[in-house]
Amino acid sequence: MNYMREKYILSIDIGTSSCKVILFNSSGSIIQTCSKEHRTFFKKNGGVEQDPDEWWTGICHAVKGVMESVSVRAGEIEVIGVDSQSSSMIPMDRAGNVLYPSMIWTDRRASEEKRWVDDNIGQETITRINGNHNDESNVALKLMWLKKNEPDIYKKADVILNAAGYLVYRLTGQFTCNISEGGLTQMFDTKNGIWSDELIRGCGLDRGKLPDILQCYETAGRLTGEAACGLGLAEGIPVTAGSMDAVACALGCGVVENGDSYITGGTVTALGICSDRPVGNDSVHVYHHIVPGTWCNMAGVDFGGGNFRWYRDQFMQGYSEAEVYDRMNSLAAAVPAGADKLLFLPTLVGQRCPQWDSTTRGMYLGITPEHTQGHFIRALMEGNAFAIREILELEKEAGAVCSQIAIAGGIARSDLWMRIFSDVLGIPLYRTECEEAAAVGNMYTAAYGVGMISSFKEVKERIAAKKIERDESNSRVYEKLYPVYKTLYPTATKQFQMLADLDV
């Protein structure tokens, strides 16, 4: 990407906790970043909601924050890329009014709808067409809940959007859905990349409320005058259809070909594998990748990286933000591999893959008087790595091929945690240099869409990564402990359910 006049790419992300805007130059370097947090509202019925209009306010704030702090002119923005949290459900009328708050990916209120789908459609049919697990987080079940509990709103809704689709609408005035979001709607033929009339009719929903599907890199429209005014940008900038954050992160890690894999570690620690065909087995997620002709097979530990912050907040008081993680890493590094037989189950907030059990909780097993704070921290790190290994095995059983793994996100800051992952997984592991993998992937998606790069293989060549060396002696310890780890959840399933049922 060499040009006489510098061109810039604006990446906009709607995350679970904040909206983030990053400005890149044509070489892929970060010029400036700005973010704005938004609120999450928790309902007694298991609902978890956010206000889409608050997203837009935050995005306007963040874009202006970026543009006001650089010398880049508004007309030098070549393209805007969009990515977002997945599985949001936003009903809107044709005039663009939001009719109900966004039911986000952690929303679990559609439990009755899940049971109905299990009984009347069945997992076998969903797996055959869609490839994913019937789950309350998926858009179809949320929409069924809306139709039953808010029938007037369902009737008034002309279109159902996800978070990225909402942002594309605010930017361009066009109603769209990017292809990567299709899989987790549970109304989508994941192999063929089209809406499934069979699944839509089976759920009693209306095909007419679903927008057109676009490739992630396709231009969905151009920035309207109204949006340009709110953002402080120039009217007419192309806006790509965007993607869910998981596949943007995959691309940002250089995952572009069959067998390329990645681990991302934020609140969720997740493993994704790129495949040249959909290979879901309903234990792991499967959806279209940004790269044409490829799919991502993915699953994660829903509070994986969150476990580390939980331990910090509860047991590491008295340290500054700058020193607490160094202290935790040094304590854990002083303990041998295997934490002297202390094991940790990292499912503090329930779990999707592989158990799909909202009642499961975390636990330590094997505590002795000799165990120190360092043991508890190291066991926590190892438990997350064991959980990812279990997911890796499931994805391989489904037919995915994993040749090497790139790793990005907050967990990649810890040298010790990287070595633990390498020793537990036994596969070549590479740490990417840029922590903003999703934004990088979003940027390259947009760049490809307007011809600033000619192929996605260029992305793989541009992503700098360092190999994590494996310790064979530690790997032998983990080989002995891993079978014990795998028994933790099955052994405690009954007790988790008993605790969930207690009225105390």
Protein backbone atom coordinates (compact mmCIF):
# COMPACT_ATOMS: atom_id res chain seq x y z
CA MET A 1 0.00 0.00 0.00
CA ASN A 2 2.26 2.79 -1.27
CA TYR A 3 0.65 6.03 -2.36
CA MET A 4 1.80 9.56 -3.13
CA ARG A 5 -0.92 10.95 -0.88
CA GLU A 6 -1.37 9.21 2.45
CA LYS A 7 -4.69 7.47 2.90
CA TYR A 8 -6.25 6.50 6.20
CA ILE A 9 -8.62 3.81 7.43
CA LEU A 10 -11.00 4.31 10.35
CA SER A 11 -11.86 1.22 12.39
CA ILE A 12 -14.97 1.35 14.60
CA ASP A 13 -15.73 -1.41 17.10
CA ILE A 14 -18.80 -1.90 19.30
CA GLY A 15 -17.52 -4.06 22.14
CA THR A 16 -19.32 -5.43 25.16
CA SER A 17 -18.07 -2.69 27.46
CA SER A 18 -17.10 0.17 25.15
CA CYS A 19 -16.96 1.55 21.65
CA LYS A 20 -13.44 1.94 20.29
CA VAL A 21 -12.23 3.94 17.30
CA ILE A 22 -8.74 3.51 15.85
CA LEU A 23 -7.21 5.45 12.97
CA PHE A 24 -4.70 3.55 10.79
CA ASN A 25 -2.48 4.79 8.01
CA SER A 26 -2.16 2.91 4.71
CA SER A 27 0.81 0.93 6.05
CA GLY A 28 -1.35 -0.52 8.81
CA SER A 29 0.18 1.48 11.66
CA ILE A 30 -2.01 2.86 14.46
CA ILE A 31 -2.12 6.66 14.37
CA GLN A 32 -4.60 7.38 17.17
CA THR A 33 -7.23 5.66 19.28
CA CYS A 34 -10.16 6.74 21.45
CA SER A 35 -12.86 4.79 23.26
CA LYS A 36 -16.06 5.45 25.16
CA GLU A 37 -17.66 3.08 27.66
CA HIS A 38 -21.37 2.25 27.55
CA ARG A 39 -23.75 0.82 30.11
CA THR A 40 -25.16 -2.69 30.40
CA PHE A 41 -28.54 -3.33 32.01
CA PHE A 42 -29.24 -6.65 33.76
CA LYS A 43 -32.84 -7.88 34.06
CA LYS A 44 -34.29 -10.27 36.63
CA ASN A 45 -35.45 -12.65 33.89
CA GLY A 46 -31.89 -13.24 32.65
CA GLY A 47 -32.04 -10.44 30.12
CA VAL A 48 -28.93 -8.38 29.41
CA GLU A 49 -29.47 -5.20 27.40
CA GLN A 50 -27.65 -2.22 25.96
CA ASP A 51 -28.93 0.97 24.34
CA PRO A 52 -27.92 1.19 20.65
CA ASP A 53 -28.40 4.95 20.66
CA GLU A 54 -25.85 5.12 23.50
CA TRP A 55 -23.45 3.20 21.26
CA TRP A 56 -23.89 5.84 18.58
CA THR A 57 -23.32 8.69 21.03
CA GLY A 58 -20.13 6.99 22.19
CA ILE A 59 -18.95 6.43 18.62
CA CYS A 60 -19.48 10.09 17.74
CA HIS A 61 -17.48 11.04 20.84
CA ALA A 62 -14.66 8.61 20.00
CA VAL A 63 -14.40 9.53 16.31
CA LYS A 64 -14.23 13.22 17.17
CA GLY A 65 -11.69 12.42 19.88
CA VAL A 66 -9.46 10.75 17.31
CA MET A 67 -9.85 13.32 14.55
CA GLU A 68 -9.37 16.33 16.82
CA SER A 69 -6.04 14.97 18.07
CA VAL A 70 -4.40 14.35 14.68
CA SER A 71 -3.54 16.47 11.65
CA VAL A 72 -5.45 14.16 9.29
CA ARG A 73 -8.17 15.91 7.29
CA ALA A 74 -11.65 14.40 7.19
CA GLY A 75 -11.39 13.96 3.42
CA GLU A 76 -8.29 11.78 3.79
CA ILE A 77 -10.27 8.91 5.32
CA GLU A 78 -10.41 6.36 2.50
CA VAL A 79 -12.82 3.87 4.10
CA ILE A 80 -14.58 3.05 7.37
CA GLY A 81 -14.53 -0.51 8.73
CA VAL A 82 -16.96 -1.87 11.31
CA ASP A 83 -16.84 -4.78 13.74
CA SER A 84 -18.87 -5.59 16.83
CA GLN A 85 -19.86 -7.98 19.58
CA SER A 86 -21.83 -10.88 18.12
CA SER A 87 -25.40 -12.14 18.61
CA SER A 88 -27.10 -8.82 19.38
CA MET A 89 -30.78 -8.51 18.44
CA ILE A 90 -32.12 -5.03 17.63
CA PRO A 91 -35.65 -4.54 16.23
CA MET A 92 -36.07 -1.36 14.16
CA ASP A 93 -38.76 0.22 12.04
CA ARG A 94 -38.21 1.35 8.47
CA ALA A 95 -37.57 4.91 9.64
CA GLY A 96 -34.58 3.72 11.65
CA ASN A 97 -36.11 3.94 15.12
CA VAL A 98 -34.90 1.41 17.69
CA LEU A 99 -38.03 -0.28 19.08
CA TYR A 100 -36.44 -2.28 21.90
CA PRO A 101 -33.03 -2.30 23.62
CA SER A 102 -30.37 -4.56 22.15
CA MET A 103 -30.49 -8.04 23.66
CA ILE A 104 -26.74 -8.73 23.71
CA TRP A 105 -24.78 -11.99 23.52
CA THR A 106 -24.96 -12.68 27.28
CA ASP A 107 -28.78 -12.41 27.34
CA ARG A 108 -30.25 -15.74 28.56
CA ARG A 109 -33.96 -14.97 28.97
CA ALA A 110 -35.15 -17.20 26.09
CA SER A 111 -34.96 -20.46 28.08
CA GLU A 112 -38.54 -21.49 27.25
CA GLU A 113 -37.91 -20.84 23.58
CA LYS A 114 -34.78 -22.98 23.73
CA ARG A 115 -36.75 -25.92 25.15
CA TRP A 116 -39.43 -25.46 22.48
CA VAL A 117 -36.83 -25.54 19.70
CA ASP A 118 -35.20 -28.62 21.24
CA ASP A 119 -38.56 -30.42 21.30
CA ASN A 120 -40.02 -29.23 17.98
CA ILE A 121 -37.09 -28.62 15.63
CA GLY A 122 -34.30 -30.57 17.26
CA GLN A 123 -30.56 -30.19 17.44
CA GLU A 124 -30.04 -32.61 14.55
CA THR A 125 -31.86 -30.29 12.13
CA ILE A 126 -30.06 -27.21 13.44
CA THR A 127 -26.69 -28.94 13.13
CA ARG A 128 -27.45 -30.09 9.57
CA ILE A 129 -28.36 -26.60 8.34
CA ASN A 130 -26.74 -24.14 10.71
CA GLY A 131 -23.98 -26.11 12.41
CA ASN A 132 -24.34 -24.43 15.79
CA HIS A 133 -25.77 -25.35 19.16
CA ASN A 134 -29.35 -24.36 20.00
CA ASP A 135 -28.69 -21.68 22.60
CA GLU A 136 -30.47 -18.77 24.26
CA SER A 137 -27.76 -16.38 23.11
CA ASN A 138 -28.62 -16.92 19.44
CA VAL A 139 -30.75 -14.34 17.64
CA ALA A 140 -33.61 -16.66 16.61
CA LEU A 141 -34.49 -17.50 20.22
CA LYS A 142 -34.34 -13.85 21.27
CA LEU A 143 -36.64 -12.95 18.40
CA MET A 144 -39.05 -15.75 19.38
CA TRP A 145 -39.03 -14.35 22.93
CA LEU A 146 -39.80 -10.87 21.59
CA LYS A 147 -42.68 -12.18 19.47
CA LYS A 148 -44.23 -13.94 22.47
CA ASN A 149 -43.61 -11.34 25.18
CA GLU A 150 -43.65 -8.07 23.20
CA PRO A 151 -45.98 -8.88 20.26
CA ASP A 152 -46.69 -5.25 19.38
CA ILE A 153 -42.98 -4.48 19.09
CA TYR A 154 -42.40 -7.60 17.00
CA LYS A 155 -45.22 -6.60 14.68
CA LYS A 156 -43.92 -3.03 14.30
CA ALA A 157 -40.36 -4.19 13.59
CA ASP A 158 -39.54 -3.93 9.89
CA VAL A 159 -35.98 -5.20 10.24
CA ILE A 160 -33.85 -7.07 12.79
CA LEU A 161 -30.23 -5.97 13.01
CA ASN A 162 -27.14 -6.99 14.95
CA ALA A 163 -24.73 -4.46 16.47
CA ALA A 164 -22.56 -4.13 13.35
CA GLY A 165 -25.68 -3.86 11.19
CA TYR A 166 -27.04 -1.11 13.42
CA LEU A 167 -23.79 0.83 13.10
CA VAL A 168 -23.76 0.37 9.32
CA TYR A 169 -27.31 1.75 9.24
CA ARG A 170 -26.37 4.81 11.31
CA LEU A 171 -23.43 5.44 8.99
CA THR A 172 -25.08 4.75 5.62
CA GLY A 173 -28.85 4.46 6.01
CA GLN A 174 -28.69 0.87 4.65
CA PHE A 175 -30.09 -2.24 6.38
CA THR A 176 -27.58 -5.11 6.06
CA CYS A 177 -26.17 -8.16 7.83
CA ASN A 178 -22.57 -9.23 7.31
CA ILE A 179 -22.05 -12.90 6.51
CA SER A 180 -19.95 -13.64 9.62
CA GLU A 181 -22.96 -12.89 11.85
CA GLY A 182 -25.22 -15.34 10.02
CA GLY A 183 -24.16 -18.50 11.84
CA LEU A 184 -25.10 -17.30 15.32
CA THR A 185 -28.55 -16.14 14.27
CA GLN A 186 -29.61 -19.83 14.15
CA MET A 187 -31.66 -18.90 11.06
CA PHE A 188 -28.81 -19.30 8.58
CA ASP A 189 -27.58 -21.96 6.17
CA THR A 190 -23.94 -21.74 7.17
CA LYS A 191 -22.56 -23.85 4.33
CA ASN A 192 -24.25 -21.88 1.55
CA GLY A 193 -24.20 -18.44 3.19
CA ILE A 194 -27.94 -17.73 2.89
CA TRP A 195 -30.93 -17.39 5.18
CA SER A 196 -32.61 -20.74 5.85
CA ASP A 197 -36.34 -20.67 5.14
CA GLU A 198 -36.67 -24.04 6.90
CA LEU A 199 -35.23 -22.76 10.19
CA ILE A 200 -37.03 -19.40 9.97
CA ARG A 201 -40.42 -21.03 9.36
CA GLY A 202 -39.73 -23.65 12.02
CA CYS A 203 -39.25 -20.89 14.60
CA GLY A 204 -42.43 -19.13 13.46
CA LEU A 205 -40.51 -16.04 12.36
CA ASP A 206 -40.75 -13.73 9.35
CA ARG A 207 -38.11 -13.85 6.61
CA GLY A 208 -39.14 -10.35 5.53
CA LYS A 209 -37.70 -8.87 8.73
CA LEU A 210 -34.17 -10.07 7.94
CA PRO A 211 -31.80 -7.85 5.91
CA ASP A 212 -29.67 -8.76 2.92
CA ILE A 213 -26.45 -10.69 3.58
CA LEU A 214 -23.20 -9.06 2.44
CA GLN A 215 -19.60 -10.23 2.46
CA CYS A 216 -17.72 -8.55 5.30
CA TYR A 217 -15.52 -6.55 2.93
CA GLU A 218 -18.30 -5.41 0.60
CA THR A 219 -19.27 -1.75 0.59
CA ALA A 220 -22.61 -1.50 2.38
CA GLY A 221 -23.04 2.17 1.51
CA ARG A 222 -21.46 5.57 1.87
CA LEU A 223 -21.38 7.94 4.81
CA THR A 224 -24.51 10.07 4.81
CA GLY A 225 -24.47 13.81 5.34
CA GLU A 226 -26.24 13.43 8.68
CA ALA A 227 -23.74 10.85 9.94
CA ALA A 228 -20.80 12.86 8.63
CA CYS A 229 -22.00 15.87 10.57
CA GLY A 230 -22.30 13.89 13.80
CA LEU A 231 -18.86 12.33 13.40
CA GLY A 232 -16.97 15.31 12.03
CA LEU A 233 -16.08 13.43 8.82
CA ALA A 234 -16.62 13.98 5.10
CA GLU A 235 -19.80 12.77 3.42
CA GLY A 236 -19.48 9.91 0.94
CA ILE A 237 -16.76 7.77 2.59
CA PRO A 238 -17.30 4.06 1.76
CA VAL A 239 -18.41 1.89 4.71
CA THR A 240 -17.86 -1.87 4.63
CA ALA A 241 -20.50 -4.34 5.84
CA GLY A 242 -18.21 -5.28 8.72
CA SER A 243 -17.87 -8.41 10.83
CA MET A 244 -18.24 -9.84 14.29
CA ASP A 245 -15.22 -9.10 16.48
CA ALA A 246 -14.15 -12.75 16.66
CA VAL A 247 -13.41 -13.07 12.94
CA ALA A 248 -11.88 -9.59 12.82
CA CYS A 249 -9.51 -10.76 15.55
CA ALA A 250 -8.75 -13.90 13.53
CA LEU A 251 -7.74 -11.84 10.51
CA GLY A 252 -5.75 -9.49 12.73
CA CYS A 253 -3.75 -12.52 13.92
CA GLY A 254 -2.97 -13.52 10.34
CA VAL A 255 -5.49 -16.37 10.25
CA VAL A 256 -6.37 -16.61 6.55
CA GLU A 257 -5.87 -20.23 5.42
CA ASN A 258 -7.02 -23.72 6.33
CA GLY A 259 -5.27 -24.77 9.55
CA ASP A 260 -4.37 -21.25 10.72
CA SER A 261 -5.58 -20.81 14.31
CA TYR A 262 -5.63 -18.22 17.05
CA ILE A 263 -6.32 -17.70 20.73
CA THR A 264 -7.66 -14.38 21.93
CA GLY A 265 -7.72 -13.52 25.60
CA GLY A 266 -9.83 -10.75 27.02
CA THR A 267 -12.83 -11.34 29.26
CA VAL A 268 -13.39 -14.46 27.14
CA THR A 269 -10.49 -16.74 26.24
CA ALA A 270 -11.32 -18.29 22.88
CA LEU A 271 -9.77 -20.59 20.29
CA GLY A 272 -10.60 -20.21 16.61
CA ILE A 273 -9.50 -22.40 13.70
CA CYS A 274 -9.76 -21.43 10.03
CA SER A 275 -11.17 -24.13 7.77
CA ASP A 276 -11.96 -24.45 4.08
CA ARG A 277 -15.35 -25.95 4.96
CA PRO A 278 -17.79 -25.62 7.88
CA VAL A 279 -16.91 -28.36 10.37
CA GLY A 280 -19.13 -27.54 13.35
CA ASN A 281 -20.30 -30.41 15.54
CA ASP A 282 -22.77 -28.33 17.62
CA SER A 283 -20.26 -28.27 20.49
CA VAL A 284 -18.30 -25.42 18.91
CA HIS A 285 -19.41 -22.34 16.99
CA VAL A 286 -19.05 -22.26 13.22
CA TYR A 287 -19.50 -19.18 11.03
CA HIS A 288 -18.14 -17.55 7.90
CA HIS A 289 -14.71 -15.98 8.10
CA ILE A 290 -13.94 -12.66 6.43
CA VAL A 291 -11.74 -14.47 3.89
CA PRO A 292 -13.94 -15.80 1.05
CA GLY A 293 -14.31 -19.58 0.98
CA THR A 294 -13.28 -20.07 4.61
CA TRP A 295 -15.06 -20.56 7.93
CA CYS A 296 -14.07 -20.06 11.56
CA ASN A 297 -14.68 -22.86 14.04
CA MET A 298 -14.55 -21.31 17.47
CA ALA A 299 -15.32 -21.77 21.15
CA GLY A 300 -14.12 -20.18 24.33
CA VAL A 301 -13.98 -20.03 28.10
CA ASP A 302 -16.66 -17.46 28.82
CA PHE A 303 -14.80 -15.86 31.75
CA GLY A 304 -11.30 -17.08 30.92
CA GLY A 305 -9.33 -13.86 31.07
CA GLY A 306 -11.91 -12.54 33.51
CA ASN A 307 -10.69 -15.11 36.04
CA PHE A 308 -7.35 -13.33 36.28
CA ARG A 309 -9.03 -9.98 36.94
CA TRP A 310 -11.36 -11.64 39.46
CA TYR A 311 -8.36 -12.97 41.40
CA ARG A 312 -6.65 -9.58 41.20
CA ASP A 313 -9.68 -7.72 42.53
CA GLN A 314 -10.43 -10.15 45.36
CA PHE A 315 -6.99 -11.22 46.58
CA MET A 316 -4.37 -8.72 45.38
CA GLN A 317 -5.42 -5.50 47.08
CA GLY A 318 -2.71 -3.04 47.97
CA TYR A 319 -0.90 -3.11 44.64
CA SER A 320 -1.02 -0.38 42.02
CA GLU A 321 -2.43 -1.08 38.56
CA ALA A 322 1.10 -0.88 37.19
CA GLU A 323 2.57 -3.51 39.51
CA VAL A 324 -0.22 -5.97 40.33
CA TYR A 325 0.07 -8.12 37.19
CA ASP A 326 3.86 -8.29 37.46
CA ARG A 327 3.43 -9.43 41.05
CA MET A 328 0.88 -12.09 40.10
CA ASN A 329 3.11 -13.39 37.32
CA SER A 330 6.19 -13.54 39.56
CA LEU A 331 4.29 -15.43 42.28
CA ALA A 332 3.02 -17.97 39.74
CA ALA A 333 6.43 -18.32 38.07
CA ALA A 334 7.97 -19.36 41.40
CA VAL A 335 5.69 -22.43 41.47
CA PRO A 336 6.47 -25.58 39.44
CA ALA A 337 4.38 -26.67 36.45
CA GLY A 338 1.23 -28.36 37.67
CA ALA A 339 1.02 -26.12 40.76
CA ASP A 340 1.81 -29.13 42.96
CA LYS A 341 -1.38 -30.91 41.84
CA LEU A 342 -3.72 -27.96 42.41
CA LEU A 343 -6.35 -27.79 39.64
CA PHE A 344 -8.74 -24.99 38.68
CA LEU A 345 -12.01 -25.16 36.72
CA PRO A 346 -12.35 -21.71 35.07
CA THR A 347 -16.14 -21.66 34.54
CA LEU A 348 -17.04 -18.99 37.12
CA VAL A 349 -20.06 -17.66 35.18
CA GLY A 350 -21.32 -20.83 33.52
CA GLN A 351 -20.10 -22.19 30.22
CA ARG A 352 -21.08 -22.67 26.63
CA CYS A 353 -18.67 -24.97 24.78
CA PRO A 354 -18.14 -27.77 25.53
CA GLN A 355 -20.67 -28.20 28.36
CA TRP A 356 -23.39 -25.71 27.39
CA ASP A 357 -24.37 -25.45 31.05
CA SER A 358 -25.30 -22.14 32.64
CA THR A 359 -25.28 -23.70 36.14
CA THR A 360 -21.61 -24.72 36.16
CA ARG A 361 -19.29 -22.67 38.37
CA GLY A 362 -15.57 -22.48 39.05
CA MET A 363 -13.64 -24.48 41.59
CA TYR A 364 -10.20 -25.38 42.90
CA LEU A 365 -9.43 -29.06 43.53
CA GLY A 366 -6.61 -30.52 45.60
CA ILE A 367 -5.96 -27.72 48.10
CA THR A 368 -3.36 -28.55 50.77
CA PRO A 369 -1.77 -26.50 53.58
CA GLU A 370 1.38 -26.21 51.44
CA HIS A 371 -0.35 -24.32 48.64
CA THR A 372 0.51 -20.62 48.46
CA GLN A 373 -0.91 -17.65 46.63
CA GLY A 374 1.43 -18.44 43.76
CA HIS A 375 -0.06 -21.93 43.47
CA PHE A 376 -3.57 -20.55 43.20
CA ILE A 377 -2.55 -18.06 40.50
CA ARG A 378 -0.61 -20.63 38.48
CA ALA A 379 -3.44 -23.18 38.74
CA LEU A 380 -5.82 -20.50 37.43
CA MET A 381 -3.56 -19.92 34.42
CA GLU A 382 -3.19 -23.65 33.80
CA GLY A 383 -6.94 -24.23 34.11
CA ASN A 384 -7.58 -21.80 31.28
CA ALA A 385 -4.99 -23.56 29.12
CA PHE A 386 -6.53 -26.97 29.89
CA ALA A 387 -9.96 -25.63 28.91
CA ILE A 388 -8.61 -24.40 25.57
CA ARG A 389 -6.97 -27.79 24.98
CA GLU A 390 -10.34 -29.47 25.53
CA ILE A 391 -11.87 -27.13 22.94
CA LEU A 392 -9.00 -27.82 20.52
CA GLU A 393 -9.65 -31.55 20.78
CA LEU A 394 -13.36 -31.05 20.07
CA GLU A 395 -12.62 -28.92 17.01
CA LYS A 396 -10.20 -31.54 15.70
CA GLU A 397 -12.82 -34.24 16.25
CA ALA A 398 -15.19 -32.15 14.13
CA GLY A 399 -12.67 -32.19 11.29
CA ALA A 400 -10.72 -28.96 11.77
CA VAL A 401 -6.98 -28.96 11.13
CA CYS A 402 -4.70 -26.92 13.42
CA SER A 403 -1.13 -26.38 12.24
CA GLN A 404 -0.10 -23.40 14.37
CA ILE A 405 -1.70 -20.93 16.76
CA ALA A 406 -1.31 -17.16 17.01
CA ILE A 407 -2.24 -15.56 20.32
CA ALA A 408 -3.37 -12.01 21.04
CA GLY A 409 -5.19 -9.97 23.66
CA GLY A 410 -4.55 -9.24 27.31
CA ILE A 411 -3.27 -12.72 28.19
CA ALA A 412 -0.50 -12.32 25.61
CA ARG A 413 1.15 -9.74 27.87
CA SER A 414 2.18 -12.52 30.27
CA ASP A 415 5.30 -14.44 29.20
CA LEU A 416 4.50 -17.12 31.76
CA TRP A 417 0.94 -17.61 30.55
CA MET A 418 2.17 -17.89 26.96
CA ARG A 419 4.62 -20.62 27.96
CA ILE A 420 1.87 -22.45 29.87
CA PHE A 421 -0.37 -22.42 26.80
CA SER A 422 2.49 -23.68 24.63
CA ASP A 423 3.37 -26.47 27.06
CA VAL A 424 -0.26 -27.57 27.53
CA LEU A 425 -1.30 -27.44 23.86
CA GLY A 426 1.84 -28.90 22.31
CA ILE A 427 1.38 -26.94 19.06
CA PRO A 428 3.63 -24.14 17.71
CA LEU A 429 2.41 -20.93 19.35
CA TYR A 430 3.13 -17.38 18.19
CA ARG A 431 2.47 -14.11 20.02
CA THR A 432 1.36 -11.23 17.80
CA GLU A 433 3.05 -7.89 18.44
CA CYS A 434 -0.13 -5.79 18.22
CA GLU A 435 -2.68 -6.24 21.00
CA GLU A 436 -5.44 -4.62 18.91
CA ALA A 437 -5.95 -7.70 16.75
CA ALA A 438 -9.67 -7.13 16.10
CA ALA A 439 -9.09 -3.54 15.00
CA VAL A 440 -6.21 -4.66 12.77
CA GLY A 441 -8.44 -7.29 11.18
CA ASN A 442 -11.22 -4.76 10.73
CA MET A 443 -8.78 -2.34 9.13
CA TYR A 444 -7.52 -4.94 6.64
CA THR A 445 -11.08 -6.01 5.83
CA ALA A 446 -11.91 -2.43 4.89
CA ALA A 447 -8.62 -2.01 3.01
CA TYR A 448 -9.35 -5.10 0.92
CA GLY A 449 -12.86 -3.86 0.22
CA VAL A 450 -11.63 -0.68 -1.47
CA GLY A 451 -8.59 -2.22 -3.18
CA MET A 452 -5.86 -0.94 -0.86
CA ILE A 453 -4.59 -4.53 -0.58
CA SER A 454 -5.02 -7.16 -3.28
CA SER A 455 -5.35 -10.34 -1.20
CA PHE A 456 -5.81 -11.47 2.37
CA LYS A 457 -2.56 -13.44 2.18
CA GLU A 458 -0.85 -10.04 2.32
CA VAL A 459 -2.24 -9.69 5.84
CA LYS A 460 -0.56 -12.89 6.99
CA GLU A 461 2.76 -11.62 5.62
CA ARG A 462 2.38 -8.30 7.44
CA ILE A 463 1.48 -9.65 10.91
CA ALA A 464 4.60 -9.75 13.08
CA ALA A 465 4.70 -12.60 15.60
CA LYS A 466 7.24 -14.25 17.91
CA LYS A 467 7.37 -18.01 18.52
CA ILE A 468 6.87 -19.20 22.10
CA GLU A 469 9.33 -21.96 22.95
CA ARG A 470 7.95 -25.13 24.51
CA ASP A 471 9.37 -26.80 27.65
CA GLU A 472 9.19 -30.57 27.16
CA SER A 473 9.50 -31.35 30.88
CA ASN A 474 6.54 -29.11 31.70
CA SER A 475 4.54 -30.67 28.87
CA ARG A 476 5.04 -34.10 30.44
CA VAL A 477 3.60 -32.81 33.73
CA TYR A 478 0.56 -31.38 31.97
CA GLU A 479 0.00 -34.64 30.06
CA LYS A 480 -0.46 -36.36 33.43
CA LEU A 481 -2.74 -33.68 34.90
CA TYR A 482 -4.97 -33.03 31.89
CA PRO A 483 -6.99 -36.28 32.17
CA VAL A 484 -7.75 -35.37 35.79
CA TYR A 485 -8.81 -31.86 34.76
CA LYS A 486 -11.26 -33.31 32.23
CA THR A 487 -13.11 -35.12 35.03
CA LEU A 488 -13.78 -31.96 37.07
CA TYR A 489 -16.95 -30.82 35.32
CA PRO A 490 -18.57 -34.27 34.84
CA THR A 491 -17.90 -35.13 38.48
CA ALA A 492 -19.42 -31.90 39.82
CA THR A 493 -22.36 -31.54 37.39
CA LYS A 494 -24.94 -32.76 39.90
CA GLN A 495 -23.60 -30.51 42.64
CA PHE A 496 -23.64 -27.46 40.36
CA GLN A 497 -27.30 -28.10 39.58
CA MET A 498 -28.12 -28.63 43.27
CA LEU A 499 -26.53 -25.29 44.13
CA ALA A 500 -28.41 -23.56 41.32
CA ASP A 501 -31.71 -24.96 42.63
CA LEU A 502 -31.14 -23.85 46.23
CA ASP A 503 -33.31 -20.97 47.40
CA VAL A 504 -30.93 -19.33 49.87
